[in-house]
């Protein structure tokens, strides 16, 4: 059954003026979230670089010869 075009178009026309600001708001939230994620990752890597790695690199002289 095909819906009546008026029943489909009326809500779309009423929501059209609000759709663009909502889309811009969601995009802004996504961009800010990505920026916070990148900054957090950078801080985490910097702290690990200055404090030392919790797992030191494996040295060959720690193991017996094969």
PDB file of N, CA and C in Angstrom:
ATOM      1  N   UNK A   1       0.837  -1.176   0.000  1.00  0.00           N
ATOM      2  CA  UNK A   1       0.000   0.000   0.000  1.00  0.00           C
ATOM      3  C   UNK A   1       0.889   1.248   0.000  1.00  0.00           C
ATOM      4  N   UNK A   2       0.684   2.115  -0.938  1.00  0.00           N
ATOM      5  CA  UNK A   2       1.450   3.346  -1.060  1.00  0.00           C
ATOM      6  C   UNK A   2       0.825   4.403  -0.137  1.00  0.00           C
ATOM      7  N   UNK A   3       1.650   5.044   0.718  1.00  0.00           N
ATOM      8  CA  UNK A   3       1.090   6.050   1.622  1.00  0.00           C
ATOM      9  C   UNK A   3       0.685   7.311   0.862  1.00  0.00           C
ATOM     10  N   UNK A   4      -0.265   7.990   1.424  1.00  0.00           N
ATOM     11  CA  UNK A   4      -0.740   9.234   0.844  1.00  0.00           C
ATOM     12  C   UNK A   4       0.411  10.249   0.860  1.00  0.00           C
ATOM     13  N   UNK A   5       0.730  10.884  -0.279  1.00  0.00           N
ATOM     14  CA  UNK A   5       1.863  11.819  -0.330  1.00  0.00           C
ATOM     15  C   UNK A   5       1.731  12.979   0.650  1.00  0.00           C
ATOM     16  N   UNK A   6       0.508  13.405   0.920  1.00  0.00           N
ATOM     17  CA  UNK A   6       0.323  14.515   1.855  1.00  0.00           C
ATOM     18  C   UNK A   6       0.717  14.092   3.266  1.00  0.00           C
ATOM     19  N   UNK A   7       0.407  12.858   3.624  1.00  0.00           N
ATOM     20  CA  UNK A   7       0.762  12.377   4.959  1.00  0.00           C
ATOM     21  C   UNK A   7       2.279  12.247   5.126  1.00  0.00           C
ATOM     22  N   UNK A   8       2.986  12.043   4.043  1.00  0.00           N
ATOM     23  CA  UNK A   8       4.444  11.927   4.098  1.00  0.00           C
ATOM     24  C   UNK A   8       5.089  13.304   4.006  1.00  0.00           C
ATOM     25  N   UNK A   9       4.568  14.178   3.151  1.00  0.00           N
ATOM     26  CA  UNK A   9       5.188  15.473   2.906  1.00  0.00           C
ATOM     27  C   UNK A   9       4.960  16.470   4.037  1.00  0.00           C
ATOM     28  N   UNK A  10       3.823  16.416   4.689  1.00  0.00           N
ATOM     29  CA  UNK A  10       3.512  17.401   5.725  1.00  0.00           C
ATOM     30  C   UNK A  10       4.520  17.365   6.881  1.00  0.00           C
ATOM     31  N   UNK A  11       4.816  16.208   7.467  1.00  0.00           N
ATOM     32  CA  UNK A  11       5.828  16.215   8.539  1.00  0.00           C
ATOM     33  C   UNK A  11       7.211  16.617   8.037  1.00  0.00           C
ATOM     34  N   UNK A  12       7.531  16.259   6.816  1.00  0.00           N
ATOM     35  CA  UNK A  12       8.835  16.620   6.269  1.00  0.00           C
ATOM     36  C   UNK A  12       8.956  18.135   6.116  1.00  0.00           C
ATOM     37  N   UNK A  13       7.899  18.778   5.681  1.00  0.00           N
ATOM     38  CA  UNK A  13       7.910  20.233   5.525  1.00  0.00           C
ATOM     39  C   UNK A  13       8.001  20.911   6.887  1.00  0.00           C
ATOM     40  N   UNK A  14       7.317  20.356   7.884  1.00  0.00           N
ATOM     41  CA  UNK A  14       7.351  20.951   9.216  1.00  0.00           C
ATOM     42  C   UNK A  14       8.706  20.767   9.889  1.00  0.00           C
ATOM     43  N   UNK A  15       9.396  19.662   9.606  1.00  0.00           N
ATOM     44  CA  UNK A  15      10.689  19.398  10.231  1.00  0.00           C
ATOM     45  C   UNK A  15      11.867  19.987   9.461  1.00  0.00           C
ATOM     46  N   UNK A  16      11.655  20.406   8.229  1.00  0.00           N
ATOM     47  CA  UNK A  16      12.753  20.894   7.397  1.00  0.00           C
ATOM     48  C   UNK A  16      13.497  22.081   8.014  1.00  0.00           C
ATOM     49  N   UNK A  17      12.814  23.091   8.590  1.00  0.00           N
ATOM     50  CA  UNK A  17      13.563  24.218   9.153  1.00  0.00           C
ATOM     51  C   UNK A  17      14.439  23.836  10.354  1.00  0.00           C
ATOM     52  N   UNK A  18      14.083  22.789  11.059  1.00  0.00           N
ATOM     53  CA  UNK A  18      14.859  22.404  12.235  1.00  0.00           C
ATOM     54  C   UNK A  18      15.933  21.376  11.895  1.00  0.00           C
ATOM     55  N   UNK A  19      15.847  20.757  10.747  1.00  0.00           N
ATOM     56  CA  UNK A  19      16.761  19.670  10.404  1.00  0.00           C
ATOM     57  C   UNK A  19      18.198  20.164  10.251  1.00  0.00           C
ATOM     58  N   UNK A  20      18.392  21.299   9.610  1.00  0.00           N
ATOM     59  CA  UNK A  20      19.748  21.795   9.362  1.00  0.00           C
ATOM     60  C   UNK A  20      20.452  22.179  10.663  1.00  0.00           C
ATOM     61  N   UNK A  21      19.819  22.938  11.561  1.00  0.00           N
ATOM     62  CA  UNK A  21      20.524  23.230  12.829  1.00  0.00           C
ATOM     63  C   UNK A  21      20.816  21.976  13.652  1.00  0.00           C
ATOM     64  N   UNK A  22      19.917  21.011  13.627  1.00  0.00           N
ATOM     65  CA  UNK A  22      20.163  19.761  14.364  1.00  0.00           C
ATOM     66  C   UNK A  22      21.352  19.026  13.751  1.00  0.00           C
ATOM     67  N   UNK A  23      21.406  18.990  12.432  1.00  0.00           N
ATOM     68  CA  UNK A  23      22.530  18.334  11.753  1.00  0.00           C
ATOM     69  C   UNK A  23      23.844  19.032  12.077  1.00  0.00           C
ATOM     70  N   UNK A  24      23.835  20.370  12.089  1.00  0.00           N
ATOM     71  CA  UNK A  24      25.055  21.110  12.421  1.00  0.00           C
ATOM     72  C   UNK A  24      25.452  20.868  13.877  1.00  0.00           C
ATOM     73  N   UNK A  25      24.480  20.778  14.752  1.00  0.00           N
ATOM     74  CA  UNK A  25      24.784  20.503  16.159  1.00  0.00           C
ATOM     75  C   UNK A  25      25.402  19.133  16.346  1.00  0.00           C
ATOM     76  N   UNK A  26      24.842  18.126  15.687  1.00  0.00           N
ATOM     77  CA  UNK A  26      25.395  16.773  15.790  1.00  0.00           C
ATOM     78  C   UNK A  26      26.797  16.701  15.206  1.00  0.00           C
ATOM     79  N   UNK A  27      27.012  17.410  14.110  1.00  0.00           N
ATOM     80  CA  UNK A  27      28.345  17.433  13.503  1.00  0.00           C
ATOM     81  C   UNK A  27      29.347  18.104  14.436  1.00  0.00           C
ATOM     82  N   UNK A  28      28.924  19.190  15.068  1.00  0.00           N
ATOM     83  CA  UNK A  28      29.801  19.876  16.022  1.00  0.00           C
ATOM     84  C   UNK A  28      30.162  18.992  17.192  1.00  0.00           C
ATOM     85  N   UNK A  29      29.182  18.266  17.708  1.00  0.00           N
ATOM     86  CA  UNK A  29      29.449  17.351  18.818  1.00  0.00           C
ATOM     87  C   UNK A  29      30.446  16.280  18.399  1.00  0.00           C
ATOM     88  N   UNK A  30      30.297  15.762  17.182  1.00  0.00           N
ATOM     89  CA  UNK A  30      31.214  14.734  16.693  1.00  0.00           C
ATOM     90  C   UNK A  30      32.632  15.286  16.546  1.00  0.00           C
ATOM     91  N   UNK A  31      32.762  16.491  16.032  1.00  0.00           N
ATOM     92  CA  UNK A  31      34.088  17.088  15.836  1.00  0.00           C
ATOM     93  C   UNK A  31      34.750  17.369  17.178  1.00  0.00           C
ATOM     94  N   UNK A  32      33.987  17.902  18.128  1.00  0.00           N
ATOM     95  CA  UNK A  32      34.547  18.173  19.460  1.00  0.00           C
ATOM     96  C   UNK A  32      34.947  16.859  20.131  1.00  0.00           C
ATOM     97  N   UNK A  33      34.120  15.834  19.998  1.00  0.00           N
ATOM     98  CA  UNK A  33      34.447  14.538  20.584  1.00  0.00           C
ATOM     99  C   UNK A  33      35.717  13.953  19.990  1.00  0.00           C
ATOM    100  N   UNK A  34      35.869  14.085  18.687  1.00  0.00           N
ATOM    101  CA  UNK A  34      37.082  13.585  18.038  1.00  0.00           C
ATOM    102  C   UNK A  34      38.305  14.361  18.508  1.00  0.00           C
ATOM    103  N   UNK A  35      38.153  15.670  18.676  1.00  0.00           N
ATOM    104  CA  UNK A  35      39.259  16.488  19.177  1.00  0.00           C
ATOM    105  C   UNK A  35      39.655  16.107  20.592  1.00  0.00           C
ATOM    106  N   UNK A  36      38.661  15.862  21.452  1.00  0.00           N
ATOM    107  CA  UNK A  36      38.954  15.438  22.824  1.00  0.00           C
ATOM    108  C   UNK A  36      39.628  14.072  22.850  1.00  0.00           C
ATOM    109  N   UNK A  37      39.177  13.182  21.992  1.00  0.00           N
ATOM    110  CA  UNK A  37      39.799  11.851  21.906  1.00  0.00           C
ATOM    111  C   UNK A  37      41.257  11.971  21.474  1.00  0.00           C
ATOM    112  N   UNK A  38      41.521  12.791  20.457  1.00  0.00           N
ATOM    113  CA  UNK A  38      42.892  12.964  19.973  1.00  0.00           C
ATOM    114  C   UNK A  38      43.766  13.596  21.052  1.00  0.00           C
ATOM    115  N   UNK A  39      43.234  14.596  21.767  1.00  0.00           N
ATOM    116  CA  UNK A  39      44.015  15.243  22.819  1.00  0.00           C
ATOM    117  C   UNK A  39      44.300  14.265  23.953  1.00  0.00           C
ATOM    118  N   UNK A  40      43.322  13.467  24.322  1.00  0.00           N
ATOM    119  CA  UNK A  40      43.525  12.478  25.375  1.00  0.00           C
ATOM    120  C   UNK A  40      44.568  11.449  24.993  1.00  0.00           C
ATOM    121  N   UNK A  41      44.528  11.008  23.752  1.00  0.00           N
ATOM    122  CA  UNK A  41      45.528  10.044  23.276  1.00  0.00           C
ATOM    123  C   UNK A  41      46.927  10.647  23.304  1.00  0.00           C
ATOM    124  N   UNK A  42      47.030  11.897  22.890  1.00  0.00           N
ATOM    125  CA  UNK A  42      48.326  12.570  22.885  1.00  0.00           C
ATOM    126  C   UNK A  42      48.864  12.726  24.303  1.00  0.00           C
ATOM    127  N   UNK A  43      48.013  13.120  25.234  1.00  0.00           N
ATOM    128  CA  UNK A  43      48.442  13.261  26.626  1.00  0.00           C
ATOM    129  C   UNK A  43      48.860  11.909  27.184  1.00  0.00           C
ATOM    130  N   UNK A  44      48.089  10.878  26.891  1.00  0.00           N
ATOM    131  CA  UNK A  44      48.406   9.532  27.382  1.00  0.00           C
ATOM    132  C   UNK A  44      49.768   9.072  26.865  1.00  0.00           C
ATOM    133  N   UNK A  45      50.024   9.266  25.582  1.00  0.00           N
ATOM    134  CA  UNK A  45      51.303   8.846  25.011  1.00  0.00           C
ATOM    135  C   UNK A  45      52.458   9.669  25.567  1.00  0.00           C
ATOM    136  N   UNK A  46      52.223  10.963  25.801  1.00  0.00           N
ATOM    137  CA  UNK A  46      53.278  11.818  26.358  1.00  0.00           C
ATOM    138  C   UNK A  46      53.621  11.399  27.775  1.00  0.00           C
ATOM    139  N   UNK A  47      52.608  11.132  28.581  1.00  0.00           N
ATOM    140  CA  UNK A  47      52.850  10.705  29.964  1.00  0.00           C
ATOM    141  C   UNK A  47      53.600   9.376  29.979  1.00  0.00           C
ATOM    142  N   UNK A  48      53.201   8.441  29.128  1.00  0.00           N
ATOM    143  CA  UNK A  48      53.898   7.151  29.073  1.00  0.00           C
ATOM    144  C   UNK A  48      55.341   7.319  28.617  1.00  0.00           C
ATOM    145  N   UNK A  49      55.596   8.275  27.703  1.00  0.00           N
ATOM    146  CA  UNK A  49      56.957   8.480  27.218  1.00  0.00           C
ATOM    147  C   UNK A  49      57.852   9.048  28.313  1.00  0.00           C
ATOM    148  N   UNK A  50      57.314   9.945  29.140  1.00  0.00           N
ATOM    149  CA  UNK A  50      58.132  10.557  30.181  1.00  0.00           C
ATOM    150  C   UNK A  50      58.254   9.690  31.428  1.00  0.00           C
ATOM    151  N   UNK A  51      57.248   8.898  31.728  1.00  0.00           N
ATOM    152  CA  UNK A  51      57.307   8.076  32.951  1.00  0.00           C
ATOM    153  C   UNK A  51      57.910   6.709  32.691  1.00  0.00           C
ATOM    154  N   UNK A  52      58.029   6.320  31.471  1.00  0.00           N
ATOM    155  CA  UNK A  52      58.573   5.013  31.148  1.00  0.00           C
ATOM    156  C   UNK A  52      57.455   4.032  30.892  1.00  0.00           C
ATOM    157  N   UNK A  53      57.759   3.068  30.110  1.00  0.00           N
ATOM    158  CA  UNK A  53      56.773   2.061  29.750  1.00  0.00           C
ATOM    159  C   UNK A  53      56.598   1.080  30.901  1.00  0.00           C
ATOM    160  N   UNK A  54      55.363   0.632  31.180  1.00  0.00           N
ATOM    161  CA  UNK A  54      55.179  -0.350  32.242  1.00  0.00           C
ATOM    162  C   UNK A  54      55.827  -1.699  31.927  1.00  0.00           C
ATOM    163  N   UNK A  55      55.956  -2.036  30.663  1.00  0.00           N
ATOM    164  CA  UNK A  55      56.615  -3.266  30.251  1.00  0.00           C
ATOM    165  C   UNK A  55      57.932  -2.888  29.566  1.00  0.00           C
ATOM    166  N   UNK A  56      59.058  -3.146  30.192  1.00  0.00           N
ATOM    167  CA  UNK A  56      60.322  -2.809  29.541  1.00  0.00           C
ATOM    168  C   UNK A  56      60.540  -3.700  28.312  1.00  0.00           C
ATOM    169  N   UNK A  57      61.291  -3.227  27.366  1.00  0.00           N
ATOM    170  CA  UNK A  57      61.542  -4.053  26.180  1.00  0.00           C
ATOM    171  C   UNK A  57      62.317  -5.321  26.549  1.00  0.00           C
ATOM    172  N   UNK A  58      62.055  -6.371  25.818  1.00  0.00           N
ATOM    173  CA  UNK A  58      62.702  -7.657  26.081  1.00  0.00           C
ATOM    174  C   UNK A  58      64.132  -7.613  25.550  1.00  0.00           C
ATOM    175  N   UNK A  59      65.065  -8.011  26.407  1.00  0.00           N
ATOM    176  CA  UNK A  59      66.460  -8.051  25.988  1.00  0.00           C
ATOM    177  C   UNK A  59      66.850  -9.491  25.716  1.00  0.00           C
ATOM    178  N   UNK A  60      67.762  -9.678  24.806  1.00  0.00           N
ATOM    179  CA  UNK A  60      68.170 -11.032  24.435  1.00  0.00           C
ATOM    180  C   UNK A  60      68.912 -11.726  25.572  1.00  0.00           C
ATOM    181  N   UNK A  61      69.661 -10.990  26.395  1.00  0.00           N
ATOM    182  CA  UNK A  61      70.435 -11.638  27.447  1.00  0.00           C
ATOM    183  C   UNK A  61      69.566 -12.064  28.627  1.00  0.00           C
ATOM    184  N   UNK A  62      68.268 -11.795  28.600  1.00  0.00           N
ATOM    185  CA  UNK A  62      67.365 -12.287  29.644  1.00  0.00           C
ATOM    186  C   UNK A  62      67.018 -13.763  29.434  1.00  0.00           C
ATOM    187  N   UNK A  63      67.234 -14.271  28.249  1.00  0.00           N
ATOM    188  CA  UNK A  63      66.851 -15.647  27.923  1.00  0.00           C
ATOM    189  C   UNK A  63      68.104 -16.455  27.598  1.00  0.00           C
ATOM    190  N   UNK A  64      68.080 -17.759  27.894  1.00  0.00           N
ATOM    191  CA  UNK A  64      69.238 -18.594  27.528  1.00  0.00           C
ATOM    192  C   UNK A  64      69.344 -18.726  26.013  1.00  0.00           C
ATOM    193  N   UNK A  65      70.533 -19.050  25.589  1.00  0.00           N
ATOM    194  CA  UNK A  65      70.739 -19.202  24.148  1.00  0.00           C
ATOM    195  C   UNK A  65      69.941 -20.386  23.619  1.00  0.00           C
ATOM    196  N   UNK A  66      69.444 -20.262  22.422  1.00  0.00           N
ATOM    197  CA  UNK A  66      68.657 -21.336  21.818  1.00  0.00           C
ATOM    198  C   UNK A  66      69.540 -22.434  21.280  1.00  0.00           C
TER     199      UNK A  66
END
